[in-house]
C-alpha cells in the first residue's frame, strides 16, 4: 500500500536541490511578448541540441507556451534578482521592467544574462500538473559572470552564501552580520540601557539567511547598505554557533538605535563579544592600509587569506 505524500514536505525536499534561475520568453500570435521565471530548466541532448523547461498547467501563459512554435531560455546573472521576481508574477508590464532585445526570429531576449538559448519547439510532454517544453536549440549566446542561484526557497549569491549553506547543513545557530563603513566610520547598533555597542546582525537557527535579508533589516532603520565580500567566518563549538560577517558600505540618516562611529572614536571595551572585538581591530588596521583579508576559523584561531 502506497503511503500518501505530504506535498508541503515534498516541496521542501525538492528545495534541497540548488538550481540556477531562468526567464523563458516567447510571443503570442499577435506579437505580444510573454515570459515567466523558471528554475526547472535542464539540458537534454547535444545531438540534436535539446533543452527542456517546465511550466505549470495552472500558469496564465501555459497555453501560449504550449502552442508557441519557438521560445527562448535566458539564464540569469546574480544581479538580476529583480527581473526574476517580476517575471514570477502575472504583472502585465513585465517587459517594461527589463532591458531586452529581439532574437533573429523575433523572440525577446533579456539583456545582461549569462546565456540565452533560442529554441524551436521539438515536443511537448504533459506530466502531472506541469507541461514539459522541449526545445531544439537553433542559436545561443554566452557571457562571463556569476549566476543567480536558488536554494531552499531563497536566492543565493555564489561565494557570499557558501558559509551559510554549510551552517544550515549543520542545523547550527547562524549569526549574519556586517562591518558597514562610511567615510572612515563603522555602523554600530547601540544599546542605550547598557551603553554597549555591536555590529549590525541578524540570526536564525538551522535556516538559510542571506545578505539581502541583512540589508533589508538595515533599511528599516533608514540605512542603505550593500556588501562587498565575506570578511570573517568563525565557528563556536559551544553553543554550536556560526558567525558570518560581511564587509560593506552604508549610508543614510541613522536613528537612535544606530550610529556611525569613526575609527579613532571606537571604544572596543564597549563591544561585549571578544571575537567581534578582535575582528574589528583587524578590520580597522586593514581599512587604513586598504588591504583586506578573509578570516576563517573559530573564535580563537583560524586562517587569514588576502582578498583578490
Protein backbone atom coordinates (compact mmCIF):
# COMPACT_ATOMS: atom_id res chain seq x y z
CA UNK A 1 0.00 0.00 0.00
CA UNK A 2 1.41 3.37 -1.02
CA UNK A 3 1.52 5.93 1.76
CA UNK A 4 0.19 9.43 0.94
CA UNK A 5 2.81 12.05 0.10
CA UNK A 6 2.89 15.25 2.13
CA UNK A 7 3.06 17.84 -0.67
CA UNK A 8 4.50 20.52 1.63
CA UNK A 9 7.33 18.27 2.78
CA UNK A 10 7.89 17.08 -0.78
CA UNK A 11 8.27 20.70 -1.92
CA UNK A 12 10.76 21.21 0.91
CA UNK A 13 12.71 18.14 -0.20
CA UNK A 14 12.76 19.38 -3.81
CA UNK A 15 14.16 22.66 -2.46
CA UNK A 16 17.28 20.83 -1.29
CA UNK A 17 18.39 20.77 -4.92
CA UNK A 18 20.10 24.07 -5.74
CA UNK A 19 19.40 25.43 -9.21
CA UNK A 20 20.04 28.32 -11.50
CA UNK A 21 17.23 30.71 -12.44
CA UNK A 22 15.92 31.44 -15.93
CA UNK A 23 13.32 33.57 -17.66
CA UNK A 24 11.55 31.77 -20.51
CA UNK A 25 10.19 34.03 -23.26
CA UNK A 26 8.07 33.82 -26.39
CA UNK A 27 5.49 35.85 -28.32
CA UNK A 28 1.75 35.45 -28.69
CA UNK A 29 0.39 35.15 -32.27
CA UNK A 30 -0.41 38.90 -32.17
CA UNK A 31 3.21 39.69 -31.27
CA UNK A 32 2.73 40.39 -27.54
CA UNK A 33 5.86 39.31 -25.61
CA UNK A 34 5.30 36.79 -22.81
CA UNK A 35 7.65 35.39 -20.18
CA UNK A 36 7.86 33.54 -16.89
CA UNK A 37 10.52 32.70 -14.32
CA UNK A 38 11.61 29.05 -14.11
CA UNK A 39 14.27 27.08 -12.27
CA UNK A 40 13.08 23.77 -13.76
CA UNK A 41 15.46 24.02 -16.72
CA UNK A 42 17.87 21.40 -17.98
CA UNK A 43 19.93 20.40 -20.98
CA UNK A 44 18.66 17.18 -22.58
CA UNK A 45 20.85 16.29 -25.55
CA UNK A 46 23.78 17.52 -27.61
CA UNK A 47 22.82 15.67 -30.79
CA UNK A 48 20.33 17.04 -31.54
CA UNK A 49 20.83 20.02 -29.20
CA UNK A 50 17.82 19.89 -26.87
CA UNK A 51 16.80 21.64 -23.67
CA UNK A 52 13.70 21.40 -21.51
CA UNK A 53 11.79 23.67 -19.20
CA UNK A 54 8.61 23.06 -17.18
CA UNK A 55 5.56 25.28 -16.80
CA UNK A 56 2.59 24.65 -14.51
CA UNK A 57 -0.67 23.90 -16.29
CA UNK A 58 -2.26 26.45 -13.95
CA UNK A 59 0.02 29.24 -15.21
CA UNK A 60 -1.73 32.01 -17.13
CA UNK A 61 0.65 31.58 -20.07
CA UNK A 62 0.73 27.74 -20.12
CA UNK A 63 -1.44 27.56 -23.26
CA UNK A 64 0.60 30.22 -25.03
CA UNK A 65 3.92 28.47 -24.43
CA UNK A 66 2.49 25.03 -25.20
CA UNK A 67 1.41 26.24 -28.64
CA UNK A 68 4.32 28.58 -29.40
CA UNK A 69 6.49 27.40 -32.32
CA UNK A 70 9.59 28.82 -30.64
CA UNK A 71 10.80 30.16 -27.31
CA UNK A 72 13.98 31.33 -25.58
CA UNK A 73 15.55 30.45 -22.24
CA UNK A 74 17.51 33.27 -20.56
CA UNK A 75 19.92 32.21 -17.79
CA UNK A 76 20.02 34.97 -15.17
CA UNK A 77 23.09 36.58 -13.62
CA UNK A 78 23.37 37.26 -9.88
CA UNK A 79 22.34 40.92 -10.30
CA UNK A 80 19.04 40.01 -11.97
CA UNK A 81 17.00 39.08 -8.89
CA UNK A 82 14.52 41.86 -9.58
CA UNK A 83 13.90 40.59 -13.10
CA UNK A 84 13.34 37.11 -11.70
CA UNK A 85 10.84 38.47 -9.19
CA UNK A 86 8.97 40.47 -11.84
CA UNK A 87 8.61 37.53 -14.21
CA UNK A 88 7.43 35.30 -11.38
CA UNK A 89 4.27 37.45 -11.16
CA UNK A 90 1.33 37.98 -13.51
CA UNK A 91 2.12 41.67 -13.99
CA UNK A 92 1.11 42.87 -17.48
CA UNK A 93 4.11 45.22 -17.71
CA UNK A 94 6.90 42.67 -17.18
CA UNK A 95 8.82 43.62 -20.30
CA UNK A 96 8.69 47.30 -19.38
CA UNK A 97 10.71 46.47 -16.26
CA UNK A 98 13.75 44.93 -18.00
CA UNK A 99 16.03 45.66 -20.92
CA UNK A 100 15.56 43.22 -23.78
CA UNK A 101 16.10 42.78 -27.49
CA UNK A 102 14.68 40.59 -30.21
CA UNK A 103 16.30 37.38 -31.41
CA UNK A 104 16.61 36.67 -35.13
CA UNK A 105 13.13 35.10 -35.10
CA UNK A 106 11.57 37.85 -33.00
CA UNK A 107 11.64 36.19 -29.56
CA UNK A 108 12.51 38.52 -26.63
CA UNK A 109 15.99 38.01 -25.16
CA UNK A 110 16.68 39.52 -21.73
CA UNK A 111 19.76 41.79 -21.70
CA UNK A 112 22.63 41.01 -19.31
CA UNK A 113 22.02 37.28 -18.92
CA UNK A 114 24.83 34.73 -18.67
CA UNK A 115 23.42 32.68 -21.54
CA UNK A 116 20.43 32.56 -23.84
CA UNK A 117 19.09 29.67 -25.91
CA UNK A 118 16.82 30.32 -28.88
CA UNK A 119 14.74 27.21 -29.46
CA UNK A 120 12.22 25.79 -31.90
CA UNK A 121 9.57 23.60 -30.35
CA UNK A 122 10.71 19.96 -30.50
CA UNK A 123 7.99 18.29 -28.45
CA UNK A 124 5.50 18.88 -25.63
CA UNK A 125 5.05 16.35 -22.83
CA UNK A 126 2.25 16.53 -20.28
CA UNK A 127 3.46 15.38 -16.86
CA UNK A 128 1.11 15.64 -13.89
CA UNK A 129 0.30 19.25 -13.10
CA UNK A 130 3.05 20.57 -15.43
CA UNK A 131 3.86 20.68 -19.12
CA UNK A 132 7.42 19.92 -20.24
CA UNK A 133 8.54 22.12 -23.13
CA UNK A 134 11.37 20.51 -25.09
CA UNK A 135 13.13 22.84 -27.49
CA UNK A 136 15.78 22.34 -30.14
CA UNK A 137 18.49 24.96 -29.82
CA UNK A 138 18.91 26.95 -33.03
CA UNK A 139 21.19 29.67 -31.62
CA UNK A 140 22.76 30.58 -28.30
CA UNK A 141 24.99 33.18 -26.64
CA UNK A 142 27.25 33.10 -23.58
CA UNK A 143 29.00 35.70 -21.43
CA UNK A 144 31.14 35.50 -18.30
CA UNK A 145 29.68 36.27 -14.90
CA UNK A 146 28.24 34.77 -11.74
CA UNK A 147 24.86 33.03 -11.76
CA UNK A 148 21.71 33.74 -9.81
CA UNK A 149 21.12 30.65 -7.69
CA UNK A 150 18.07 29.33 -5.88
CA UNK A 151 18.12 27.04 -2.85
CA UNK A 152 15.59 26.25 -0.12
CA UNK A 153 13.19 28.87 -1.41
CA UNK A 154 15.71 31.73 -1.40
CA UNK A 155 18.16 33.38 -3.78
CA UNK A 156 21.85 32.77 -3.23
CA UNK A 157 24.91 34.64 -4.43
CA UNK A 158 27.85 32.42 -5.29
CA UNK A 159 30.66 32.84 -2.76
CA UNK A 160 28.62 35.04 -0.39
CA UNK A 161 26.29 32.25 0.76
CA UNK A 162 28.57 29.19 0.84
CA UNK A 163 29.26 29.52 4.60
CA UNK A 164 25.53 29.89 5.23
CA UNK A 165 24.73 26.67 3.39
CA UNK A 166 27.36 24.91 5.49
CA UNK A 167 25.86 26.32 8.68
CA UNK A 168 22.35 25.28 7.67
CA UNK A 169 23.51 21.74 6.88
CA UNK A 170 24.70 21.51 10.48
CA UNK A 171 21.40 22.95 11.75
CA UNK A 172 23.58 25.48 13.54
CA UNK A 173 22.55 28.79 15.01
CA UNK A 174 23.71 31.28 12.40
CA UNK A 175 24.58 34.91 13.05
CA UNK A 176 24.86 37.03 9.93
CA UNK A 177 26.35 40.49 10.37
CA UNK A 178 28.38 43.15 8.68
CA UNK A 179 31.08 45.75 9.09
CA UNK A 180 29.48 48.60 7.15
CA UNK A 181 31.75 51.59 6.56
CA UNK A 182 31.09 55.21 5.61
CA UNK A 183 33.96 57.70 5.26
CA UNK A 184 36.19 56.08 7.85
CA UNK A 185 33.35 55.31 10.28
CA UNK A 186 31.69 51.98 11.12
CA UNK A 187 27.98 51.41 11.64
CA UNK A 188 27.04 50.13 15.12
CA UNK A 189 23.89 49.15 16.95
CA UNK A 190 23.77 50.93 20.32
CA UNK A 191 22.17 49.59 23.49
CA UNK A 192 21.05 52.76 25.27
CA UNK A 193 20.49 50.91 28.56
CA UNK A 194 23.92 49.29 28.90
CA UNK A 195 25.98 51.58 26.67
CA UNK A 196 27.38 48.61 24.76
CA UNK A 197 27.79 48.63 21.00
CA UNK A 198 27.60 45.80 18.49
CA UNK A 199 27.87 45.28 14.76
CA UNK A 200 24.53 45.01 12.93
CA UNK A 201 23.44 41.37 12.68
CA UNK A 202 20.51 39.01 12.27
CA UNK A 203 20.26 35.34 13.19
CA UNK A 204 18.29 32.17 12.69
CA UNK A 205 18.54 28.57 13.77
CA UNK A 206 19.04 25.98 11.06
CA UNK A 207 17.59 28.04 8.18
CA UNK A 208 19.28 29.79 5.28
CA UNK A 209 19.54 33.53 5.78
CA UNK A 210 21.07 35.76 3.15
CA UNK A 211 22.88 39.05 2.98
CA UNK A 212 19.83 40.55 1.27
CA UNK A 213 17.83 39.90 4.45
CA UNK A 214 20.50 41.72 6.46
CA UNK A 215 20.31 44.67 4.05
CA UNK A 216 16.51 44.73 4.33
CA UNK A 217 16.72 44.75 8.12
CA UNK A 218 19.02 47.79 7.99
CA UNK A 219 16.63 49.53 5.61
CA UNK A 220 14.01 49.56 8.38
CA UNK A 221 16.38 51.87 10.27
CA UNK A 222 16.84 54.15 7.26
CA UNK A 223 20.22 52.64 6.32
CA UNK A 224 21.09 51.94 2.67
CA UNK A 225 23.70 49.19 2.68
CA UNK A 226 25.49 46.87 0.29
CA UNK A 227 28.02 44.08 0.80
CA UNK A 228 31.36 43.62 -0.94
CA UNK A 229 32.61 40.22 0.26
CA UNK A 230 32.61 37.76 3.15
CA UNK A 231 35.06 39.17 5.69
CA UNK A 232 35.08 36.62 8.51
CA UNK A 233 33.59 33.22 9.31
CA UNK A 234 34.09 31.83 12.79
CA UNK A 235 32.52 28.82 14.45
CA UNK A 236 31.89 28.25 18.14
CA UNK A 237 31.72 24.61 19.18
CA UNK A 238 29.62 25.63 22.17
CA UNK A 239 26.82 26.57 21.66
CA UNK A 240 27.38 25.43 18.06
CA UNK A 241 27.01 28.85 16.51
CA UNK A 242 28.40 30.01 13.16
CA UNK A 243 29.05 33.75 12.75
CA UNK A 244 29.46 35.17 9.25
CA UNK A 245 30.36 38.83 8.78
CA UNK A 246 30.48 40.76 5.52
CA UNK A 247 32.45 43.84 4.65
CA UNK A 248 30.33 46.52 3.01
CA UNK A 249 29.35 50.16 2.74
CA UNK A 250 26.33 52.01 4.08
CA UNK A 251 24.74 55.43 4.03
CA UNK A 252 21.63 57.15 5.34
CA UNK A 253 20.43 59.02 8.39
CA UNK A 254 20.85 56.82 11.46
CA UNK A 255 18.21 56.63 14.17
CA UNK A 256 18.61 56.35 17.93
CA UNK A 257 19.45 52.64 17.84
CA UNK A 258 22.32 53.06 15.37
CA UNK A 259 25.27 55.33 14.72
CA UNK A 260 28.36 55.65 12.53
CA UNK A 261 31.42 55.84 14.79
CA UNK A 262 34.80 56.99 13.32
CA UNK A 263 37.69 54.55 13.62
CA UNK A 264 39.54 56.68 16.18
CA UNK A 265 36.44 57.00 18.39
CA UNK A 266 35.52 53.31 18.60
CA UNK A 267 35.75 52.11 22.22
CA UNK A 268 36.47 48.40 21.82
CA UNK A 269 35.72 47.81 25.51
CA UNK A 270 32.07 48.59 24.76
CA UNK A 271 31.90 45.53 22.46
CA UNK A 272 30.90 42.50 24.54
CA UNK A 273 31.79 39.73 22.07
CA UNK A 274 35.59 39.15 22.15
CA UNK A 275 35.58 37.62 18.66
CA UNK A 276 33.93 40.76 17.26
CA UNK A 277 36.44 42.95 19.14
CA UNK A 278 39.31 41.03 17.56
CA UNK A 279 37.71 41.11 14.11
CA UNK A 280 37.07 44.86 14.31
CA UNK A 281 40.62 45.57 15.46
CA UNK A 282 41.91 43.73 12.40
CA UNK A 283 39.43 45.48 10.14
CA UNK A 284 40.43 48.98 11.21
CA UNK A 285 44.10 48.22 10.53
CA UNK A 286 43.33 46.74 7.12
CA UNK A 287 40.97 49.58 6.17
CA UNK A 288 43.70 52.12 6.85
CA UNK A 289 46.08 50.14 4.66
CA UNK A 290 43.35 49.49 2.07
CA UNK A 291 44.28 45.80 2.02
CA UNK A 292 41.77 43.25 3.27
CA UNK A 293 41.91 39.57 4.12
CA UNK A 294 39.25 36.96 4.91
CA UNK A 295 39.32 35.13 8.26
CA UNK A 296 38.01 31.58 8.59
CA UNK A 297 38.27 29.53 11.78
CA UNK A 298 36.80 29.56 15.27
CA UNK A 299 36.56 32.39 17.78
CA UNK A 300 40.19 31.98 18.88
CA UNK A 301 42.22 30.71 15.92
CA UNK A 302 41.97 30.32 12.18
CA UNK A 303 43.49 31.26 8.83
CA UNK A 304 43.61 34.63 7.07
CA UNK A 305 43.69 34.86 3.29
CA UNK A 306 44.07 38.09 1.27
CA UNK A 307 41.10 39.25 -0.79
CA UNK A 308 41.62 39.38 -4.53
